[in-house]
Protein backbone atom coordinates (compact mmCIF):
# COMPACT_ATOMS: atom_id res chain seq x y z
CA UNK A 1 17.52 -7.97 -11.54
CA UNK A 2 20.84 -9.78 -11.49
CA UNK A 3 22.13 -7.13 -9.09
CA UNK A 4 20.20 -8.90 -6.32
CA UNK A 5 21.60 -12.04 -4.71
CA UNK A 6 19.48 -14.86 -3.29
CA UNK A 7 20.21 -15.44 0.41
CA UNK A 8 19.96 -18.67 2.37
CA UNK A 9 16.53 -17.50 3.63
CA UNK A 10 15.27 -17.25 0.01
CA UNK A 11 15.18 -13.44 0.11
CA UNK A 12 16.87 -11.47 -2.65
CA UNK A 13 19.32 -8.97 -1.16
CA UNK A 14 20.49 -5.78 -2.90
CA UNK A 15 24.11 -5.00 -3.78
CA UNK A 16 24.34 -2.50 -0.92
CA UNK A 17 23.02 -3.24 2.61
CA UNK A 18 19.59 -1.90 3.52
CA UNK A 19 18.72 -0.61 6.97
CA UNK A 20 15.02 -0.51 7.78
CA UNK A 21 14.05 2.90 9.16
CA UNK A 22 11.81 2.44 12.20
CA UNK A 23 10.92 6.11 12.17
CA UNK A 24 9.03 5.45 8.94
CA UNK A 25 7.40 2.14 9.92
CA UNK A 26 8.11 0.38 13.21
CA UNK A 27 9.03 -3.26 12.75
CA UNK A 28 7.19 -4.36 15.89
CA UNK A 29 3.94 -3.56 14.05
CA UNK A 30 4.34 -6.21 11.36
CA UNK A 31 2.76 -9.04 13.34
CA UNK A 32 -0.35 -6.92 13.92
CA UNK A 33 -0.30 -5.90 10.25
CA UNK A 34 -0.29 -9.54 9.15
CA UNK A 35 -3.43 -10.23 11.20
CA UNK A 36 -5.17 -7.06 10.00
CA UNK A 37 -4.49 -7.76 6.33
CA UNK A 38 -6.09 -11.17 6.76
CA UNK A 39 -9.21 -10.06 8.64
CA UNK A 40 -9.80 -6.29 8.81
CA UNK A 41 -12.63 -4.78 6.74
CA UNK A 42 -10.44 -1.85 5.64
CA UNK A 43 -7.85 -4.05 3.97
CA UNK A 44 -10.56 -6.16 2.31
CA UNK A 45 -12.11 -2.96 0.94
CA UNK A 46 -8.85 -1.50 -0.27
CA UNK A 47 -8.00 -4.77 -2.02
CA UNK A 48 -11.30 -4.63 -3.92
CA UNK A 49 -10.68 -1.02 -4.96
CA UNK A 50 -7.23 -1.94 -6.27
CA UNK A 51 -8.53 -4.98 -8.10
CA UNK A 52 -11.16 -2.83 -9.85
CA UNK A 53 -8.44 -0.42 -10.98
CA UNK A 54 -6.32 -3.24 -12.36
CA UNK A 55 -9.29 -4.65 -14.26
CA UNK A 56 -9.88 -1.21 -15.77
CA UNK A 57 -6.34 -0.33 -16.81
CA UNK A 58 -4.59 -3.59 -17.62
CA UNK A 59 -5.02 -4.81 -21.21
CA UNK A 60 -7.60 -7.59 -21.26
CA UNK A 61 -5.42 -9.79 -23.46
CA UNK A 62 -2.30 -9.20 -21.40
CA UNK A 63 -0.20 -12.23 -20.52
CA UNK A 64 3.20 -13.01 -19.06
CA UNK A 65 2.96 -9.89 -16.90
CA UNK A 66 5.12 -9.16 -13.87
CA UNK A 67 4.21 -7.16 -10.78
CA UNK A 68 5.93 -6.06 -7.57
CA UNK A 69 4.52 -4.63 -4.35
CA UNK A 70 7.03 -2.03 -3.15
CA UNK A 71 7.01 -1.50 0.59
CA UNK A 72 4.44 -4.29 0.75
CA UNK A 73 5.13 -5.33 4.33
CA UNK A 74 3.97 -8.86 5.10
CA UNK A 75 2.48 -9.60 1.68
CA UNK A 76 -1.27 -9.39 2.25
CA UNK A 77 -1.99 -7.64 -1.05
CA UNK A 78 0.24 -9.97 -3.09
CA UNK A 79 -1.48 -13.01 -1.61
CA UNK A 80 -4.93 -11.55 -2.32
CA UNK A 81 -3.99 -10.62 -5.89
CA UNK A 82 -2.63 -14.08 -6.64
CA UNK A 83 -5.85 -15.69 -5.37
CA UNK A 84 -8.26 -13.18 -6.97
CA UNK A 85 -6.63 -13.14 -10.42
CA UNK A 86 -4.81 -16.47 -10.80
CA UNK A 87 -2.71 -16.60 -13.92
CA UNK A 88 -2.82 -12.85 -14.55
CA UNK A 89 0.81 -12.41 -13.54
CA UNK A 90 3.55 -14.76 -14.57
CA UNK A 91 5.75 -13.24 -11.87
CA UNK A 92 4.65 -11.71 -8.58
CA UNK A 93 7.06 -10.23 -6.05
CA UNK A 94 7.03 -8.61 -2.64
CA UNK A 95 9.58 -5.96 -1.71
CA UNK A 96 10.25 -4.30 1.63
CA UNK A 97 13.15 -2.82 3.55
CA UNK A 98 12.40 -5.00 6.58
CA UNK A 99 13.71 -8.56 6.75
CA UNK A 100 11.27 -9.05 9.64
CA UNK A 101 8.32 -8.29 7.35
CA UNK A 102 9.70 -10.44 4.54
CA UNK A 103 10.16 -13.34 6.96
CA UNK A 104 6.55 -13.03 8.15
CA UNK A 105 5.44 -13.01 4.52
CA UNK A 106 6.95 -16.42 3.84
CA UNK A 107 4.01 -18.09 5.58
CA UNK A 108 1.36 -16.36 3.43
CA UNK A 109 2.98 -16.31 -0.01
CA UNK A 110 3.40 -19.11 -2.51
CA UNK A 111 6.80 -20.63 -3.18
CA UNK A 112 6.85 -18.93 -6.59
CA UNK A 113 6.51 -15.41 -5.15
CA UNK A 114 9.91 -13.76 -4.89
CA UNK A 115 10.82 -11.58 -1.92
CA UNK A 116 13.21 -8.64 -2.21
CA UNK A 117 14.79 -6.51 0.46
CA UNK A 118 14.85 -3.02 -1.03
CA UNK A 119 15.53 0.59 -0.28
CA UNK A 120 12.75 2.57 -1.95
CA UNK A 121 15.20 5.44 -2.40
CA UNK A 122 17.57 3.21 -4.41
CA UNK A 123 15.84 0.20 -5.97
CA UNK A 124 18.60 -1.01 -8.31
CA UNK A 125 15.88 -2.04 -10.79
CA UNK A 126 15.62 -0.99 -14.43
CA UNK A 127 12.57 -1.69 -16.62
CA UNK A 128 11.81 -4.97 -14.81
CA UNK A 129 8.09 -4.81 -14.06
CA UNK A 130 4.79 -4.31 -15.88
CA UNK A 131 2.99 -3.22 -12.69
CA UNK A 132 4.26 -1.78 -9.41
CA UNK A 133 2.36 -0.91 -6.24
CA UNK A 134 3.07 1.66 -3.52
CA UNK A 135 0.23 1.05 -1.10
CA UNK A 136 0.04 3.34 1.92
CA UNK A 137 3.79 3.79 1.77
CA UNK A 138 4.76 7.22 0.47
CA UNK A 139 3.06 9.10 3.31
CA UNK A 140 5.82 7.67 5.53
CA UNK A 141 8.69 8.82 3.30
CA UNK A 142 10.47 12.18 3.62
CA UNK A 143 11.12 12.14 -0.15
CA UNK A 144 7.99 10.82 -1.86
CA UNK A 145 9.12 12.13 -5.25
CA UNK A 146 12.29 10.03 -5.08
CA UNK A 147 10.15 6.94 -4.45
CA UNK A 148 8.08 7.77 -7.53
CA UNK A 149 11.19 8.25 -9.65
CA UNK A 150 12.64 4.94 -8.50
CA UNK A 151 9.35 3.12 -9.16
CA UNK A 152 9.25 4.66 -12.64
CA UNK A 153 12.77 3.44 -13.32
CA UNK A 154 11.76 -0.07 -12.26
CA UNK A 155 8.78 -0.13 -14.68
CA UNK A 156 8.87 -1.23 -18.28
CA UNK A 157 7.70 1.37 -20.84
CA UNK A 158 3.92 1.51 -20.62
CA UNK A 159 3.99 -0.01 -17.14
CA UNK A 160 1.49 0.94 -14.44
CA UNK A 161 2.14 2.29 -10.94
CA UNK A 162 -0.79 2.05 -8.49
CA UNK A 163 -0.56 4.18 -5.37
CA UNK A 164 -2.80 4.51 -2.33
CA UNK A 165 -2.37 6.96 0.54
CA UNK A 166 -4.41 8.59 3.30
CA UNK A 167 -6.40 11.49 1.88
CA UNK A 168 -7.11 15.10 2.83
CA UNK A 169 -5.04 17.03 5.37
CA UNK A 170 -8.37 17.93 6.99
CA UNK A 171 -8.63 14.32 8.18
CA UNK A 172 -5.33 14.53 10.07
CA UNK A 173 -5.51 13.07 13.57
CA UNK A 174 -3.34 11.74 16.37
CA UNK A 175 -3.30 8.42 14.51
CA UNK A 176 -1.31 9.99 11.67
CA UNK A 177 1.26 11.25 14.16
CA UNK A 178 1.67 7.90 15.87
CA UNK A 179 1.78 6.04 12.55
CA UNK A 180 4.66 8.29 11.44
CA UNK A 181 2.68 9.81 8.58
CA UNK A 182 4.25 12.93 7.15
CA UNK A 183 1.36 14.03 4.96
CA UNK A 184 -2.08 13.18 3.57
CA UNK A 185 -2.76 13.60 -0.16
CA UNK A 186 -5.27 15.15 -2.53
CA UNK A 187 -5.75 14.64 -6.26
CA UNK A 188 -3.72 17.79 -6.86
CA UNK A 189 -0.76 16.23 -5.07
CA UNK A 190 -0.92 13.19 -7.34
CA UNK A 191 -1.01 15.44 -10.39
CA UNK A 192 2.09 17.24 -9.10
CA UNK A 193 3.96 13.99 -8.45
CA UNK A 194 3.06 12.72 -11.90
CA UNK A 195 4.37 15.87 -13.55
CA UNK A 196 7.58 15.95 -11.50
CA UNK A 197 8.35 12.26 -12.13
CA UNK A 198 7.33 12.34 -15.80
CA UNK A 199 4.54 9.82 -15.34
CA UNK A 200 1.08 10.01 -16.87
CA UNK A 201 -1.70 10.22 -14.29
CA UNK A 202 -4.39 7.94 -15.68
CA UNK A 203 -6.72 8.25 -12.70
CA UNK A 204 -6.97 9.71 -9.20
CA UNK A 205 -10.02 9.13 -7.01
CA UNK A 206 -10.98 9.03 -3.37
CA UNK A 207 -12.33 5.97 -1.62
CA UNK A 208 -13.78 4.96 1.73
CA UNK A 209 -16.39 7.67 1.22
CA UNK A 210 -19.38 5.97 2.88
CA UNK A 211 -17.46 5.22 6.07
CA UNK A 212 -15.70 8.58 6.34
CA UNK A 213 -18.13 9.95 8.99
CA UNK A 214 -17.46 6.92 11.16
CA UNK A 215 -13.73 7.37 10.60
CA UNK A 216 -13.92 10.95 11.84
CA UNK A 217 -15.90 9.94 14.92
CA UNK A 218 -13.40 7.20 15.73
CA UNK A 219 -10.57 9.74 15.75
CA UNK A 220 -12.18 11.93 18.43
CA UNK A 221 -10.41 11.33 21.73
CA UNK A 222 -10.68 14.19 24.26
CA UNK A 223 -7.57 14.46 26.37
CA UNK A 224 -5.46 12.32 24.05
CA UNK A 225 -2.57 14.79 24.14
CA UNK A 226 -2.36 14.41 27.92
CA UNK A 227 -1.82 10.64 27.78
CA UNK A 228 1.62 9.17 28.34
CA UNK A 229 3.45 7.80 25.26
CA UNK A 230 2.76 4.24 26.43
CA UNK A 231 -0.94 4.98 26.95
CA UNK A 232 -1.15 6.58 23.50
CA UNK A 233 0.39 3.54 21.88
CA UNK A 234 -1.91 1.17 23.78
CA UNK A 235 -4.93 3.20 22.66
CA UNK A 236 -3.83 3.09 19.03
CA UNK A 237 -3.23 -0.65 19.18
CA UNK A 238 -6.72 -1.10 20.59
CA UNK A 239 -8.22 0.96 17.77
CA UNK A 240 -6.39 -1.09 15.15
CA UNK A 241 -7.69 -4.41 16.38
CA UNK A 242 -10.00 -6.24 14.00
CA UNK A 243 -13.59 -5.39 15.06
CA UNK A 244 -15.85 -8.11 16.41
CA UNK A 245 -17.03 -10.39 13.62
CA UNK A 246 -20.60 -9.01 13.19
CA UNK A 247 -19.36 -5.41 13.14
CA UNK A 248 -16.42 -6.26 10.89
CA UNK A 249 -18.79 -8.00 8.45
CA UNK A 250 -21.18 -5.03 8.43
CA UNK A 251 -18.41 -2.50 7.82
CA UNK A 252 -16.95 -4.73 5.12
CA UNK A 253 -20.33 -4.83 3.36
CA UNK A 254 -20.65 -1.03 3.47
CA UNK A 255 -17.13 -0.60 2.11
CA UNK A 256 -17.81 -3.23 -0.58
CA UNK A 257 -20.65 -1.05 -1.90
CA UNK A 258 -17.99 1.39 -3.14
CA UNK A 259 -16.77 -1.19 -5.67
CA UNK A 260 -17.58 -0.98 -8.52
CA UNK A 261 -19.61 2.17 -7.77
CA UNK A 262 -16.48 4.10 -6.87
CA UNK A 263 -14.95 3.32 -10.27
CA UNK A 264 -18.01 4.66 -12.09
CA UNK A 265 -18.50 7.76 -9.96
CA UNK A 266 -15.97 10.13 -8.44
CA UNK A 267 -16.62 10.59 -4.75
CA UNK A 268 -16.03 14.18 -3.62
CA UNK A 269 -13.90 12.97 -0.73
CA UNK A 270 -12.78 9.87 1.11
CA UNK A 271 -10.31 8.97 3.80
CA UNK A 272 -8.01 7.42 1.18
CA UNK A 273 -7.00 8.12 -2.39
CA UNK A 274 -6.04 5.85 -5.28
CA UNK A 275 -3.77 6.96 -8.10
CA UNK A 276 -3.06 5.07 -11.33
CA UNK A 277 0.10 6.27 -13.09
CA UNK A 278 1.66 5.07 -16.32
CA UNK A 279 5.20 5.22 -17.61
CA UNK A 280 5.31 6.72 -21.13
């Protein structure tokens, strides 16, 4: 970790400059992301799914653990994890290529949470972390295998890598195009990535099963292709707003029913997929 230098803004910078690639995730979306991670039912549900996986695969007597959220944007998951499992991790860190995102994160993270500007293709980290997260990140990357290999290098032996992505190519919609997604994943894809990166796939399962019909309905927009680029973007922004409180609460309750049920049963499909990988 000594290859990173602490800047005057309390962000650790890598030995070589990092340029955030807007074609993978546009920086002007981070303010909206910050609000969504605080309020939106989908993020609340995904956080619960991840927490259930951690409870299942982390040793119960573990202590002095370290964890880093790679490509973690504005830090919503790190903040949730610190509050939901206080004391579980001795060190928590947020990493992203965008200094804009890392600056936004300062207001939601504790003073003890380190922030790193990173290039996921070249992390400059070697056996530093017990747990790493790649949460809805690799679908944006041209070389997802390289991201896996770099995450593996950053993990200590026996360390865990938790990954979430959009699931099933059949669920592809205009939203994937506008969000700069390059692919959606199935369990078979996670098995392939595990084999190619020499990681052990401990688990792969779909989630957001109960709400998948509503998801499909929400992605039906006749005439969408005929809209101007500005109109398309405005429509997407409208769709990504946090629903009105009663609706948001209802959808959150439906999603919450998947945890812990979704860790006991394997849903046949879902709009997202969770993978738990381990470094030998």
